[in-house]
N, C-alpha and C. Protein backbone atom coordinates (compact mmCIF):
# COMPACT_ATOMS: atom_id res chain seq x y z
N MET A 1 12.85 179.43 42.43
CA MET A 1 12.43 178.44 40.92
C MET A 1 13.46 178.13 40.11
N LYS A 2 13.39 177.03 39.61
CA LYS A 2 14.25 176.42 38.55
C LYS A 2 13.71 177.18 37.49
N ARG A 3 14.53 177.36 36.63
CA ARG A 3 14.19 177.37 35.32
C ARG A 3 13.61 176.76 34.25
N LEU A 4 12.54 176.83 33.64
CA LEU A 4 11.88 176.27 32.88
C LEU A 4 12.23 176.61 31.35
N THR A 5 12.77 177.76 30.96
CA THR A 5 13.31 178.71 29.86
C THR A 5 14.77 178.62 29.56
N GLY A 6 15.26 178.82 28.44
CA GLY A 6 16.57 179.19 28.35
C GLY A 6 17.11 179.84 27.14
N TYR A 7 18.25 180.30 26.23
CA TYR A 7 18.36 180.64 25.68
C TYR A 7 19.16 179.56 24.78
N ASP A 8 19.21 179.78 23.22
CA ASP A 8 19.83 179.08 22.40
C ASP A 8 21.32 180.08 21.83
N GLU A 9 22.03 179.30 21.35
CA GLU A 9 23.52 180.28 20.56
C GLU A 9 23.22 181.65 20.24
N PHE A 10 21.48 181.75 19.58
CA PHE A 10 21.08 182.73 18.85
C PHE A 10 20.07 184.01 19.66
N GLY A 11 20.38 183.38 20.66
CA GLY A 11 19.21 184.21 21.38
C GLY A 11 17.81 183.52 21.51
N ASN A 12 17.61 182.94 20.95
CA ASN A 12 16.15 182.29 21.09
C ASN A 12 15.89 181.52 22.39
N THR A 13 14.91 181.93 22.55
CA THR A 13 14.22 180.84 23.88
C THR A 13 14.30 179.42 23.04
N ASP A 14 14.61 178.94 24.42
CA ASP A 14 14.32 177.38 24.40
C ASP A 14 13.60 176.50 25.60
N ILE A 15 13.23 175.67 25.43
CA ILE A 15 12.73 174.91 26.71
C ILE A 15 13.77 173.96 27.57
N ILE A 16 13.82 174.07 28.57
CA ILE A 16 15.06 173.71 28.87
C ILE A 16 14.81 171.95 28.97
N GLY A 17 15.62 171.17 28.08
CA GLY A 17 15.23 169.53 28.06
C GLY A 17 14.46 168.99 26.92
N VAL A 18 13.94 169.97 26.23
CA VAL A 18 12.97 169.63 24.96
C VAL A 18 14.30 170.21 23.25
N ASP A 19 14.03 169.36 22.44
CA ASP A 19 14.49 169.88 21.50
C ASP A 19 13.29 170.69 20.34
N SER A 20 14.02 171.47 20.21
CA SER A 20 13.40 172.84 19.51
C SER A 20 12.80 172.19 18.54
N MET A 21 14.11 171.37 17.71
CA MET A 21 13.55 170.73 16.44
C MET A 21 11.94 169.95 16.70
N ASP A 22 11.83 169.39 17.52
CA ASP A 22 10.58 168.06 17.54
C ASP A 22 9.59 169.11 17.79
N LEU A 23 9.88 170.21 18.36
CA LEU A 23 8.33 171.09 18.53
C LEU A 23 8.17 171.27 17.20
N GLN A 24 9.10 172.19 16.26
CA GLN A 24 8.76 172.62 15.18
C GLN A 24 8.29 171.77 14.04
N CYS A 25 8.83 170.78 14.28
CA CYS A 25 7.99 169.51 13.26
C CYS A 25 7.12 169.06 13.69
N ASN A 26 6.52 169.31 15.46
CA ASN A 26 5.12 168.44 15.58
C ASN A 26 4.56 169.30 15.79
N LEU A 27 4.18 170.47 15.37
CA LEU A 27 3.37 171.52 15.20
C LEU A 27 2.81 172.41 14.23
N GLU A 28 1.85 172.51 13.77
CA GLU A 28 1.49 173.43 12.80
C GLU A 28 1.70 174.89 13.29
N PHE A 29 1.73 175.70 12.30
CA PHE A 29 2.58 176.94 12.38
C PHE A 29 2.02 177.82 13.19
N ASP A 30 0.98 178.54 13.00
CA ASP A 30 -0.08 179.64 13.68
C ASP A 30 0.40 178.41 15.66
N GLU A 31 -0.16 177.27 15.40
CA GLU A 31 0.51 176.57 17.30
C GLU A 31 1.90 177.08 17.59
N PHE A 32 2.86 176.56 16.35
CA PHE A 32 4.46 176.84 16.76
C PHE A 32 4.63 178.32 17.19
N ASN A 33 3.52 179.36 16.70
CA ASN A 33 4.16 180.72 17.07
C ASN A 33 3.65 180.85 18.39
N LYS A 34 2.27 180.11 18.64
CA LYS A 34 1.66 180.45 20.10
C LYS A 34 2.53 180.14 21.01
N VAL A 35 3.43 178.80 20.85
CA VAL A 35 3.99 178.39 21.77
C VAL A 35 5.17 179.14 22.12
N THR A 36 5.65 179.85 20.84
CA THR A 36 7.05 180.48 21.20
C THR A 36 6.97 181.77 21.71
N ASN A 37 5.48 182.31 21.62
CA ASN A 37 5.61 183.71 22.35
C ASN A 37 5.12 183.75 23.75
N ALA A 38 4.42 182.67 24.43
CA ALA A 38 3.99 181.73 25.73
C ALA A 38 5.55 181.46 25.90
N LEU A 39 6.89 180.90 25.28
CA LEU A 39 7.84 180.74 25.96
C LEU A 39 8.80 181.84 26.20
N ASN A 40 8.46 182.65 25.06
CA ASN A 40 9.45 183.93 25.19
C ASN A 40 8.65 184.84 26.61
N LYS A 41 7.50 185.36 26.52
CA LYS A 41 6.97 186.07 27.93
C LYS A 41 7.59 184.89 29.31
N LEU A 42 7.08 183.35 29.34
CA LEU A 42 7.91 183.04 30.49
C LEU A 42 9.34 182.97 30.86
N ALA A 43 9.79 183.25 29.66
CA ALA A 43 11.69 183.35 29.69
C ALA A 43 11.45 185.20 30.34
N GLU A 44 10.34 185.90 30.20
CA GLU A 44 11.06 187.35 30.40
C GLU A 44 10.67 187.69 32.15
N TYR A 45 9.49 186.47 32.51
CA TYR A 45 9.20 186.46 33.82
C TYR A 45 10.27 185.61 34.65
N GLU A 46 10.95 184.66 33.95
CA GLU A 46 11.90 184.41 34.89
C GLU A 46 13.28 185.07 34.73
N ASP A 47 13.55 186.05 34.14
CA ASP A 47 14.41 186.79 33.83
C ASP A 47 14.23 187.83 34.75
N LEU A 48 13.06 188.50 34.72
CA LEU A 48 13.20 189.65 35.78
C LEU A 48 12.86 188.69 37.37
N GLU A 49 12.22 187.64 37.17
CA GLU A 49 12.86 186.56 38.76
C GLU A 49 14.19 186.59 39.07
N GLU A 50 14.90 186.24 38.41
CA GLU A 50 16.41 186.49 38.38
C GLU A 50 17.02 187.30 39.02
N GLN A 51 16.41 188.35 38.18
CA GLN A 51 17.09 189.83 38.26
C GLN A 51 16.56 190.20 39.66
N CYS A 52 15.64 190.11 40.22
CA CYS A 52 15.06 190.46 41.54
C CYS A 52 15.65 189.52 42.68
N CYS A 53 15.84 188.37 42.44
CA CYS A 53 16.20 187.89 43.31
C CYS A 53 17.89 188.39 43.60
N LYS A 54 18.77 188.60 42.45
CA LYS A 54 20.02 188.90 42.43
C LYS A 54 20.00 190.92 43.32
N GLU A 55 19.20 191.15 42.51
CA GLU A 55 19.09 192.59 43.18
C GLU A 55 18.76 192.34 44.97
N ASN A 56 17.52 191.62 45.60
CA ASN A 56 17.40 191.55 47.06
C ASN A 56 18.23 191.04 47.09
N SER A 57 19.28 190.11 47.18
CA SER A 57 20.73 189.19 47.95
C SER A 57 21.64 190.65 48.28
N TRP A 58 21.64 191.42 46.64
CA TRP A 58 22.26 192.48 46.72
C TRP A 58 22.06 193.31 47.88
N GLY A 59 20.61 193.96 47.85
CA GLY A 59 19.82 194.93 48.75
C GLY A 59 20.37 194.39 50.01
N LEU A 60 19.72 193.04 50.46
CA LEU A 60 19.70 192.23 51.67
C LEU A 60 21.77 192.30 52.07
N LYS A 61 22.69 192.15 51.47
CA LYS A 61 24.07 192.61 51.48
C LYS A 61 24.51 194.08 52.25
N MET A 62 23.82 194.67 50.94
CA MET A 62 23.74 196.18 51.69
C MET A 62 23.17 196.79 53.15
N LEU A 63 21.92 196.16 53.27
CA LEU A 63 21.76 196.88 54.37
C LEU A 63 21.95 195.99 55.76
N THR A 64 22.74 194.60 55.29
CA THR A 64 23.40 193.76 56.71
C THR A 64 24.58 194.84 56.95
N GLU A 65 25.43 194.92 55.54
CA GLU A 65 26.47 195.94 55.98
C GLU A 65 26.11 197.40 56.37
N LYS A 66 25.27 198.12 56.29
CA LYS A 66 24.81 199.22 57.10
C LYS A 66 24.47 198.76 58.51
N TRP A 67 23.80 197.80 58.79
CA TRP A 67 23.59 197.34 59.88
C TRP A 67 24.32 197.29 61.04
N LYS A 68 25.35 196.53 60.10
CA LYS A 68 26.60 195.80 61.54
C LYS A 68 27.58 197.53 61.64
N GLU A 69 27.42 198.77 60.28
CA GLU A 69 28.28 199.60 60.50
C GLU A 69 27.35 200.68 62.02
N PHE A 70 25.98 200.91 61.69
CA PHE A 70 25.39 201.55 62.89
C PHE A 70 25.42 200.51 64.13
N ILE A 71 25.62 199.30 64.25
CA ILE A 71 26.12 198.98 64.99
C ILE A 71 27.25 199.31 66.07
N GLU A 72 28.33 199.41 64.98
CA GLU A 72 29.21 199.90 65.49
C GLU A 72 29.17 201.37 65.89
N ASP A 73 28.89 201.94 65.34
CA ASP A 73 28.55 203.22 65.79
C ASP A 73 27.86 204.00 66.87
N ILE A 74 26.97 203.05 67.28
CA ILE A 74 26.40 202.45 68.34
C ILE A 74 27.17 202.72 69.62
N GLN A 75 28.23 201.59 69.31
CA GLN A 75 29.29 200.78 70.18
C GLN A 75 29.64 201.76 70.74
N GLU A 76 30.31 202.84 69.17
CA GLU A 76 31.33 203.81 69.77
C GLU A 76 30.87 204.84 70.27
N LEU A 77 29.14 205.27 69.88
CA LEU A 77 28.78 206.03 71.09
C LEU A 77 28.41 205.98 72.69
N TYR A 78 28.44 204.77 72.93
CA TYR A 78 28.57 204.29 74.43
C TYR A 78 29.66 204.55 75.14
N GLU A 79 30.99 204.34 74.13
CA GLU A 79 31.90 204.39 74.56
C GLU A 79 32.02 205.71 75.39
N TYR A 80 31.63 206.99 73.86
CA TYR A 80 32.17 207.79 74.55
C TYR A 80 31.48 208.54 75.27
N ARG A 81 30.42 208.09 75.87
CA ARG A 81 29.15 208.47 76.80
C ARG A 81 29.50 208.11 77.95
N LYS A 82 30.34 206.51 78.38
CA LYS A 82 30.55 206.34 79.07
C LYS A 82 32.11 207.01 79.63
N ALA A 83 32.95 207.45 79.00
CA ALA A 83 34.11 208.23 79.09
C ALA A 83 33.54 209.60 79.37
N GLU A 84 32.93 209.76 79.26
CA GLU A 84 32.03 211.33 79.47
C GLU A 84 32.05 211.26 80.63
N GLU A 85 30.75 210.17 81.41
CA GLU A 85 30.53 210.02 82.63
C GLU A 85 31.69 210.15 83.63
N GLN A 86 32.29 209.75 83.39
CA GLN A 86 33.69 208.94 84.27
C GLN A 86 34.43 210.22 84.45
N GLY A 87 34.44 211.03 83.68
CA GLY A 87 34.69 212.11 83.28
C GLY A 87 36.11 212.25 82.87
N LYS A 88 36.44 210.75 81.36
CA LYS A 88 37.38 210.62 80.66
C LYS A 88 37.25 211.66 79.47
N LEU A 89 36.30 212.20 79.46
CA LEU A 89 36.53 212.63 77.79
C LEU A 89 36.80 214.17 78.30
N LEU A 90 37.84 214.61 77.34
CA LEU A 90 37.42 216.34 77.53
C LEU A 90 37.58 216.47 76.19
N LYS A 91 36.52 217.85 76.18
CA LYS A 91 36.18 218.24 74.76
C LYS A 91 36.93 219.39 74.64
N PRO A 92 37.24 219.93 73.31
CA PRO A 92 38.12 221.52 73.22
C PRO A 92 36.81 222.58 73.40
N LYS A 93 36.97 223.59 73.64
CA LYS A 93 35.93 224.53 73.07
C LYS A 93 35.38 225.33 71.81
N CYS A 94 37.17 224.84 71.07
CA CYS A 94 36.55 225.25 69.68
C CYS A 94 37.52 224.52 69.10
N LEU A 95 37.38 224.97 67.77
CA LEU A 95 38.18 223.15 66.60
C LEU A 95 38.98 224.40 65.87
N PRO A 96 39.62 223.56 65.05
CA PRO A 96 40.63 224.77 63.94
C PRO A 96 39.85 224.83 62.78
N GLY A 97 40.20 226.02 62.53
CA GLY A 97 39.19 226.51 61.25
C GLY A 97 37.79 227.43 62.23
N ASP A 98 37.73 227.22 63.40
CA ASP A 98 36.74 228.51 64.34
C ASP A 98 37.18 229.92 64.51
N TYR A 99 36.92 230.74 64.50
CA TYR A 99 37.75 232.01 64.86
C TYR A 99 37.22 232.65 66.12
N VAL A 100 38.08 233.21 66.88
CA VAL A 100 37.85 233.51 68.31
C VAL A 100 37.99 235.11 68.30
N TRP A 101 37.80 235.94 69.65
CA TRP A 101 37.94 236.88 69.42
C TRP A 101 38.85 237.24 70.80
N GLU A 102 39.76 238.13 70.65
CA GLU A 102 40.79 238.23 72.15
C GLU A 102 40.69 240.33 71.92
N ILE A 103 40.52 240.08 73.62
CA ILE A 103 40.66 241.72 73.51
C ILE A 103 41.59 241.77 74.24
N ASN A 104 41.80 243.12 73.82
CA ASN A 104 43.63 243.93 74.30
C ASN A 104 43.12 245.22 75.03
N LYS A 105 42.64 245.16 76.90
CA LYS A 105 42.67 245.73 77.53
C LYS A 105 43.42 246.76 77.79
N GLU A 106 44.77 246.88 77.26
CA GLU A 106 45.32 248.43 77.32
C GLU A 106 45.35 249.20 76.12
N ARG A 107 44.64 248.34 74.74
CA ARG A 107 44.81 248.89 73.91
C ARG A 107 43.19 249.78 73.52
N ASN A 108 42.34 248.59 74.36
CA ASN A 108 40.81 248.35 74.21
C ASN A 108 40.43 248.38 72.54
N ILE A 109 41.12 247.39 71.89
CA ILE A 109 40.83 246.40 70.85
C ILE A 109 40.42 245.55 71.42
N ILE A 110 39.66 244.86 70.04
CA ILE A 110 39.42 243.28 69.94
C ILE A 110 40.01 242.84 68.42
N SER A 111 41.07 241.98 68.71
CA SER A 111 41.32 241.48 67.51
C SER A 111 40.86 239.63 67.00
N GLU A 112 40.72 239.74 65.88
CA GLU A 112 40.23 238.40 65.87
C GLU A 112 40.78 237.16 64.75
N TYR A 113 40.86 236.04 65.55
CA TYR A 113 41.76 234.99 65.14
C TYR A 113 41.34 233.79 64.44
N GLU A 114 41.98 233.26 63.81
CA GLU A 114 41.74 232.02 63.29
C GLU A 114 42.45 230.72 64.11
N VAL A 115 41.63 229.64 64.69
CA VAL A 115 42.38 228.18 65.40
C VAL A 115 42.83 227.43 63.96
N LEU A 116 44.12 227.24 64.44
CA LEU A 116 45.06 226.89 63.51
C LEU A 116 45.28 225.25 63.62
N SER A 117 45.31 224.76 65.22
CA SER A 117 45.51 223.75 65.63
C SER A 117 45.26 223.59 67.14
N ILE A 118 45.27 222.74 67.64
CA ILE A 118 44.87 222.51 69.50
C ILE A 118 46.01 221.41 69.82
N ARG A 119 46.41 221.47 71.25
CA ARG A 119 47.45 220.62 71.98
C ARG A 119 46.66 220.19 73.04
N TYR A 120 47.13 219.35 73.83
CA TYR A 120 46.66 218.88 74.67
C TYR A 120 47.83 218.93 75.98
N GLY A 121 47.52 219.46 76.83
CA GLY A 121 48.55 220.01 77.58
C GLY A 121 48.54 219.10 79.03
N ILE A 122 50.02 218.76 79.73
CA ILE A 122 50.00 218.14 80.93
C ILE A 122 49.02 218.54 82.17
N SER A 123 48.71 219.26 81.84
CA SER A 123 47.65 220.01 83.00
C SER A 123 46.32 219.77 82.72
N ARG A 124 45.91 218.58 82.06
CA ARG A 124 44.73 218.61 81.27
C ARG A 124 43.64 219.64 80.88
N THR A 125 44.43 220.95 79.70
CA THR A 125 43.97 221.78 79.29
C THR A 125 44.94 221.58 77.78
N PHE A 126 43.88 222.46 76.99
CA PHE A 126 44.00 222.28 75.86
C PHE A 126 44.67 223.81 75.34
N ARG A 127 46.14 223.95 74.57
CA ARG A 127 46.27 224.70 74.34
C ARG A 127 45.98 224.97 72.80
N TYR A 128 45.68 225.99 72.57
CA TYR A 128 45.13 226.83 70.89
C TYR A 128 46.01 227.27 70.22
N MET A 129 46.50 226.78 68.82
CA MET A 129 47.28 227.71 68.12
C MET A 129 46.52 228.63 67.56
N TRP A 130 46.75 230.37 67.25
CA TRP A 130 45.91 230.61 66.40
C TRP A 130 46.64 231.74 65.16
N SER A 131 46.36 232.57 64.59
CA SER A 131 46.78 233.25 63.56
C SER A 131 45.69 234.30 63.64
N LEU A 132 46.31 235.75 63.42
CA LEU A 132 45.63 236.83 63.23
C LEU A 132 44.60 236.34 61.47
N ARG A 133 43.64 236.65 61.61
CA ARG A 133 42.77 236.82 60.13
C ARG A 133 43.49 236.76 58.85
N ASP A 134 44.78 237.83 58.93
CA ASP A 134 45.45 238.33 57.63
C ASP A 134 46.32 236.87 57.54
N GLY A 135 46.77 236.06 58.49
CA GLY A 135 47.33 234.85 58.41
C GLY A 135 48.67 235.66 59.30
N THR A 136 49.00 236.60 59.59
CA THR A 136 50.42 236.90 60.88
C THR A 136 49.60 236.47 62.23
N TYR A 137 50.52 236.20 63.15
CA TYR A 137 50.40 235.43 64.10
C TYR A 137 50.37 236.61 65.35
N GLY A 138 49.66 236.14 66.58
CA GLY A 138 49.37 237.13 67.59
C GLY A 138 50.53 237.25 68.50
N ASP A 139 50.41 237.69 69.63
CA ASP A 139 51.39 238.48 70.48
C ASP A 139 51.59 237.02 71.31
N LEU A 140 51.11 235.66 71.36
CA LEU A 140 51.75 234.72 72.14
C LEU A 140 51.18 233.28 71.36
N ASP A 141 50.80 233.54 70.09
CA ASP A 141 50.61 232.74 69.14
C ASP A 141 49.65 231.34 69.88
N GLY A 142 48.39 231.81 70.96
CA GLY A 142 47.82 231.12 71.16
C GLY A 142 46.83 231.18 72.46
N PHE A 143 45.98 230.47 72.85
CA PHE A 143 45.79 230.73 74.38
C PHE A 143 45.43 229.61 74.76
N TRP A 144 44.86 229.46 76.05
CA TRP A 144 44.90 228.63 76.91
C TRP A 144 43.21 228.21 77.01
N ASP A 145 42.57 226.75 77.50
CA ASP A 145 41.06 227.04 77.83
C ASP A 145 41.10 228.03 78.99
N LYS A 146 41.60 228.24 79.78
CA LYS A 146 41.28 229.51 81.02
C LYS A 146 41.12 230.81 80.04
N ASP A 147 41.78 231.08 79.48
CA ASP A 147 41.43 232.71 78.84
C ASP A 147 40.34 232.50 78.16
N ILE A 148 39.48 231.65 77.45
CA ILE A 148 38.31 231.84 77.65
C ILE A 148 37.38 232.10 78.21
N GLY A 149 36.53 233.62 77.63
CA GLY A 149 35.38 233.53 78.36
C GLY A 149 36.26 234.93 79.11
N LYS A 150 37.50 234.85 79.74
CA LYS A 150 38.17 235.92 80.06
C LYS A 150 38.88 237.47 79.13
N THR A 151 39.53 237.02 78.26
CA THR A 151 40.34 237.71 77.21
C THR A 151 39.97 236.57 76.15
N VAL A 152 39.80 236.13 75.65
CA VAL A 152 39.61 235.13 74.35
C VAL A 152 37.75 234.70 74.55
N PHE A 153 36.94 235.49 73.44
CA PHE A 153 35.71 234.95 73.37
C PHE A 153 35.41 233.89 72.35
N LEU A 154 34.23 233.34 72.49
CA LEU A 154 34.21 232.82 70.73
C LEU A 154 32.78 233.13 70.08
N THR A 155 32.19 234.09 70.44
CA THR A 155 31.57 235.12 69.70
C THR A 155 32.41 236.52 69.94
N GLN A 156 32.04 237.39 68.48
CA GLN A 156 32.45 238.59 68.41
C GLN A 156 31.64 239.67 69.51
N GLN A 157 30.36 238.74 69.51
CA GLN A 157 29.57 239.84 70.25
C GLN A 157 30.21 239.84 72.02
N GLU A 158 30.54 238.19 72.40
CA GLU A 158 30.79 238.24 73.75
C GLU A 158 32.27 239.37 74.09
N ALA A 159 33.16 239.40 73.05
CA ALA A 159 34.13 240.15 73.02
C ALA A 159 33.54 241.34 72.99
N GLU A 160 32.97 242.03 72.42
CA GLU A 160 32.56 243.43 72.20
C GLU A 160 32.04 243.89 73.65
N GLN A 161 30.97 242.98 74.47
CA GLN A 161 30.40 243.27 75.62
C GLN A 161 31.27 243.33 76.39
N ALA A 162 32.31 242.11 76.83
CA ALA A 162 33.19 242.43 77.37
C ALA A 162 34.55 243.52 77.39
N LEU A 163 34.42 244.03 76.41
CA LEU A 163 35.44 245.27 76.52
C LEU A 163 34.43 246.52 76.95
N LYS A 164 33.02 246.01 76.52
CA LYS A 164 32.51 247.47 77.05
C LYS A 164 32.33 247.62 79.06
N ASP A 165 31.97 246.08 79.20
CA ASP A 165 32.00 245.83 80.70
C ASP A 165 33.85 246.51 81.48
N LEU A 166 34.88 246.34 80.55
CA LEU A 166 35.89 247.01 81.23
C LEU A 166 35.71 248.24 81.01
N GLU A 167 35.61 248.79 80.01
CA GLU A 167 35.40 250.30 80.05
C GLU A 167 34.44 250.87 80.96
N GLY A 168 33.73 250.48 80.97
CA GLY A 168 32.56 250.93 82.07
C GLY A 168 33.53 250.33 83.49
N GLU A 169 34.19 249.72 84.00
CA GLU A 169 34.88 249.42 85.56
C GLU A 169 36.06 251.02 85.16
N ASN A 170 36.94 250.77 84.12
CA ASN A 170 37.97 251.60 84.24
C ASN A 170 37.21 253.44 84.29
N ALA A 171 36.24 253.42 83.84
CA ALA A 171 35.93 254.94 84.19
C ALA A 171 35.16 255.34 85.06
């Protein structure tokens, strides 16, 4: 809605298109105060309306941007699912920063390693580079996907169980 009020150079409320001097000269003091109070109240409402319109257009803009991001995320998820269904999406078993446990069959011990990086090999398998928890490197400085569940385990409990099973086989 178009504003009916405005402000003069001193911040006083004015009616747009009306000379305030005409009002002052043609109204009694009490009438002028009532008109001034009404104008001030109308100006507050108009200010509030402008603020709401600005915030709503800002909110609508933000909502539109978020909606576009959401649609892009859905599209990306669709592409990932499509690739996974076609067997084109390969997922590593663990990520850098994860810990894995290796059993050493000859020494009957379990060593804990931190995965440092992952490389994708030409044989469509992942090569995981690791270091011991204390920062030193392991015997082979890494392991392959095929080692997981055999000599390398994703939980300490799995490694301990595998070591017990090996000890039972050797007994």
